[in-house]
Protein backbone atom coordinates (compact mmCIF):
# COMPACT_ATOMS: atom_id res chain seq x y z
CA MET A 1 85.43 132.04 84.19
CA ALA A 2 87.89 128.75 83.73
CA THR A 3 91.26 129.48 84.23
CA VAL A 4 93.77 129.06 81.34
CA THR A 5 96.37 128.07 81.17
CA PRO A 6 99.34 130.06 79.21
CA LEU A 7 101.27 127.91 76.02
CA PRO A 8 104.25 126.31 77.10
CA HIS A 9 105.50 127.15 73.78
CA THR A 10 106.04 130.02 71.43
CA PRO A 11 103.47 129.46 68.70
CA LYS A 12 104.05 130.47 64.66
CA LEU A 13 101.01 131.46 63.40
CA SER A 14 99.69 130.84 59.69
CA LEU A 15 96.48 131.80 58.40
CA ALA A 16 95.44 129.95 55.09
CA LYS A 17 91.44 129.51 54.03
CA ALA A 18 89.87 126.06 55.46
CA THR A 19 89.25 123.03 53.59
CA LEU A 20 86.74 120.66 53.96
CA ALA A 21 88.91 118.38 55.76
CA ASP A 22 89.24 121.35 58.43
CA MET A 23 85.32 121.19 58.98
CA PRO A 24 85.42 118.58 61.96
CA GLU A 25 88.16 120.31 63.79
CA ILE A 26 86.17 123.57 62.92
CA THR A 27 83.44 121.91 64.90
CA ALA A 28 85.34 121.25 67.73
CA LEU A 29 86.66 124.37 68.23
CA TRP A 30 83.45 126.38 68.02
CA TYR A 31 82.21 124.17 70.68
CA THR A 32 85.36 124.91 72.48
CA CYS A 33 84.45 128.85 72.25
CA PHE A 34 80.92 129.04 72.39
CA SER A 35 80.14 126.62 75.50
CA SER A 36 77.09 127.96 77.72
CA PRO A 37 73.91 127.34 78.89
CA LEU A 38 71.89 129.00 76.24
CA PHE A 39 73.97 127.31 72.94
CA ASP A 40 73.81 124.08 74.67
CA LYS A 41 70.10 123.95 73.81
CA LEU A 42 69.97 125.47 70.51
CA PHE A 43 73.40 123.53 69.36
CA PRO A 44 73.31 120.39 72.32
CA PRO A 45 77.01 119.09 72.03
CA THR A 46 76.13 115.19 70.43
CA PRO A 47 77.63 113.98 67.62
CA ALA A 48 74.29 114.13 65.84
CA VAL A 49 74.99 118.13 65.93
CA HIS A 50 78.00 117.84 65.10
CA ALA A 51 77.61 116.32 62.43
CA TRP A 52 74.83 118.50 61.56
CA TRP A 53 77.68 121.17 61.57
CA ASN A 54 80.19 119.87 59.72
CA ALA A 55 77.26 119.35 56.89
CA ALA A 56 76.63 122.65 57.19
CA ASN A 57 79.76 124.44 57.11
CA ALA A 58 80.37 122.01 54.03
CA ASP A 59 78.03 123.39 52.03
CA ASP A 60 78.69 126.43 52.68
CA LEU A 61 82.44 126.10 51.61
CA LEU A 62 81.09 124.02 48.79
CA ASN A 63 77.63 126.16 47.43
CA LYS A 64 78.35 129.39 48.61
CA PRO A 65 80.93 131.00 46.42
CA SER A 66 80.63 134.80 48.46
CA GLN A 67 81.33 132.39 52.67
CA VAL A 68 85.27 132.44 52.94
CA TYR A 69 86.81 130.17 55.59
CA LEU A 70 89.81 130.84 57.33
CA LYS A 71 91.36 129.03 60.09
CA VAL A 72 94.53 129.99 61.87
CA SER A 73 97.08 127.03 62.49
CA ASP A 74 100.01 126.92 64.99
CA VAL A 75 102.47 125.44 62.81
CA SER A 76 105.45 125.14 65.40
CA ALA A 77 107.33 121.99 66.66
CA GLU A 78 104.79 122.11 69.85
CA GLY A 79 101.50 123.27 68.28
CA GLN A 80 101.65 120.19 65.02
CA GLY A 81 99.64 122.12 62.75
CA ARG A 82 96.57 122.17 64.79
CA ILE A 83 93.68 125.24 64.38
CA VAL A 84 93.81 127.22 66.34
CA GLY A 85 91.33 129.90 65.99
CA TYR A 86 88.93 130.38 62.34
CA ALA A 87 86.25 132.51 61.18
CA LYS A 88 83.81 132.98 58.71
CA TRP A 89 83.53 135.62 56.27
CA GLY A 90 80.75 136.18 54.06
CA PHE A 91 80.79 138.92 51.02
CA TRP A 92 76.92 139.87 50.39
CA GLU A 93 76.74 142.08 47.25
CA GLY A 94 73.03 143.95 48.82
CA GLY A 95 69.75 142.73 47.54
CA GLU A 96 69.95 139.37 49.44
CA GLU A 97 71.06 136.55 47.28
CA ARG A 98 70.29 134.25 50.25
CA MET A 99 67.91 135.56 52.55
CA LEU A 100 69.30 136.37 56.15
CA GLU A 101 67.05 133.52 57.25
CA ASP A 102 68.86 130.67 55.37
CA ARG A 103 72.49 131.59 56.65
CA MET A 104 71.66 128.23 58.48
CA PRO A 105 70.38 125.17 57.13
CA ALA A 106 67.15 123.65 58.79
CA TRP A 107 68.32 122.88 62.07
CA ALA A 108 69.03 119.48 63.76
CA GLU A 109 67.00 117.48 64.81
CA GLU A 110 68.53 117.72 68.41
CA SER A 111 68.42 121.80 68.27
CA ASP A 112 65.74 123.64 69.94
CA GLY A 113 64.17 124.77 66.77
CA GLY A 114 61.86 127.37 68.04
CA LEU A 115 64.62 128.91 70.25
CA CYS A 116 67.28 129.29 67.18
CA ASP A 117 64.63 130.42 65.04
CA GLY A 118 64.18 133.52 68.18
CA PHE A 119 67.71 133.83 67.99
CA PHE A 120 69.14 133.81 64.48
CA GLY A 121 66.06 135.54 63.68
CA ALA A 122 66.78 138.55 66.03
CA LEU A 123 70.06 139.07 64.67
CA ALA A 124 68.49 138.74 61.40
CA ASP A 125 66.08 141.53 62.21
CA GLU A 126 68.83 143.88 63.85
CA ARG A 127 70.84 143.60 60.55
CA ARG A 128 68.31 144.92 58.59
CA ARG A 129 67.91 147.62 61.03
CA ASN A 130 71.27 148.59 60.81
CA LEU A 131 71.79 147.66 56.96
CA GLY A 132 68.47 148.50 55.52
CA ASP A 133 65.78 145.96 54.29
CA PRO A 134 67.51 144.45 52.48
CA PRO A 135 70.37 144.79 53.56
CA ARG A 136 73.05 146.98 51.60
CA GLY A 137 75.60 145.21 50.41
CA HIS A 138 78.54 144.55 52.90
CA ALA A 139 81.14 142.32 54.79
CA TYR A 140 79.91 140.15 57.48
CA LEU A 141 82.04 138.65 59.91
CA ASP A 142 79.66 135.48 60.79
CA MET A 143 81.69 133.57 63.02
CA LEU A 144 85.16 134.38 64.88
CA CYS A 145 86.57 131.58 67.25
CA THR A 146 90.13 131.42 68.77
CA MET A 147 90.99 128.64 70.97
CA PRO A 148 91.33 130.07 74.67
CA GLU A 149 95.44 129.62 74.97
CA TYR A 150 95.71 131.04 72.17
CA ARG A 151 93.94 134.34 73.14
CA LYS A 152 95.67 137.37 72.90
CA LEU A 153 97.89 136.35 70.60
CA GLY A 154 97.60 137.99 66.98
CA VAL A 155 95.13 135.25 66.24
CA ALA A 156 92.34 137.48 66.09
CA ARG A 157 93.85 140.06 64.48
CA LEU A 158 94.59 138.14 61.64
CA LEU A 159 91.44 136.33 61.18
CA ILE A 160 89.76 140.29 61.22
CA GLU A 161 92.44 141.73 59.35
CA TRP A 162 92.28 139.86 56.47
CA GLY A 163 88.42 140.58 56.11
CA CYS A 164 89.16 144.24 56.57
CA GLU A 165 91.48 144.57 53.90
CA LYS A 166 88.94 142.63 51.12
CA ALA A 167 86.22 144.95 52.77
CA ASP A 168 87.93 147.84 51.86
CA ALA A 169 89.32 146.36 48.77
CA LEU A 170 85.49 146.14 47.64
CA GLY A 171 84.38 149.63 49.10
CA LYS A 172 81.88 147.35 51.57
CA GLU A 173 81.10 148.04 55.31
CA ALA A 174 81.93 145.55 57.65
CA TYR A 175 79.75 144.39 59.89
CA VAL A 176 79.67 141.90 63.27
CA ASP A 177 77.33 140.87 65.93
CA ALA A 178 79.45 140.20 69.09
CA THR A 179 79.61 140.18 72.71
CA ASP A 180 81.32 142.56 74.85
CA ALA A 181 84.18 140.59 75.46
CA GLY A 182 84.36 141.79 71.31
CA LYS A 183 84.26 145.18 71.61
CA PRO A 184 88.36 146.50 72.35
CA VAL A 185 89.45 144.15 69.10
CA TYR A 186 86.56 145.01 66.94
CA MET A 187 87.07 148.98 67.73
CA LYS A 188 90.82 148.27 67.42
CA PHE A 189 90.20 148.15 63.34
CA GLY A 190 87.55 150.88 63.43
CA PHE A 191 84.77 149.16 64.06
CA GLU A 192 81.79 151.49 66.02
CA GLN A 193 79.38 149.92 68.34
CA GLN A 194 75.72 150.12 67.35
CA LYS A 195 72.94 150.19 70.02
CA PRO A 196 72.66 147.42 72.26
CA LEU A 197 70.56 144.55 71.48
CA VAL A 198 69.10 142.52 74.71
CA LEU A 199 67.12 139.03 74.12
CA GLU A 200 65.18 137.08 76.56
CA LEU A 201 65.32 133.23 75.25
CA ASP A 202 64.11 130.96 77.24
CA GLY A 203 64.75 132.47 80.76
CA ASP A 204 68.13 133.37 79.56
CA SER A 205 69.07 137.30 79.20
CA VAL A 206 71.79 137.49 76.59
CA THR A 207 73.02 140.38 74.88
CA CYS A 208 74.49 141.01 71.47
CA THR A 209 75.77 144.11 70.27
CA SER A 210 76.40 145.00 66.49
CA PHE A 211 79.41 146.46 65.37
CA MET A 212 80.06 148.23 61.84
CA ARG A 213 83.09 149.50 59.84
CA PRO A 214 82.47 152.22 57.55
CA ALA A 215 83.59 151.56 54.31
CA LYS A 216 86.60 152.71 52.89
CA LYS A 217 86.25 154.98 49.59
CA GLN A 218 88.06 153.43 46.51
CA LEU A 219 90.21 156.01 44.35
């Protein structure tokens, strides 16, 4: 793992909903957080696939009211307002207003479509196994990214806390697919680890673990 240079300044973090204008910066942040041999096959870091991500996120923002994009910006003088973390939360009513496989649009031409189907299909199956078929209503933390030099500074906490508070207000369980690296922060918010899912994809072994946070009873 590459060494991350500590920030030379004290950040001033600001949480807000993302806008269409933020999508290119969010796409670039996604590639910073999810760079690996497997993800480079799923979503090659090319201009065409960057454009695909921009369009996919814009479609969610404009046409799926249940999907919420959040951003954390460093609004200090040194940070200059750049986005240092983002999350995508989905609030599902149950019965599937959209099928889980419709989480993404048709894959980009430069992506490995078969590999994408295998990876995201397995995550959808796991979600059904944990939440029923069709899954009952829940809050789904679809994406969470923090710029490496801003990790452990409260960025993820702001993004997760917002969704958990909304899930509590709605009386919904919260759900996320994650790697072991995310386990400490999710468990801090009351998520409970489920059985790990080991995927063998194109010669790569990937472990994804689902975490579920019980619904809070409403008075």
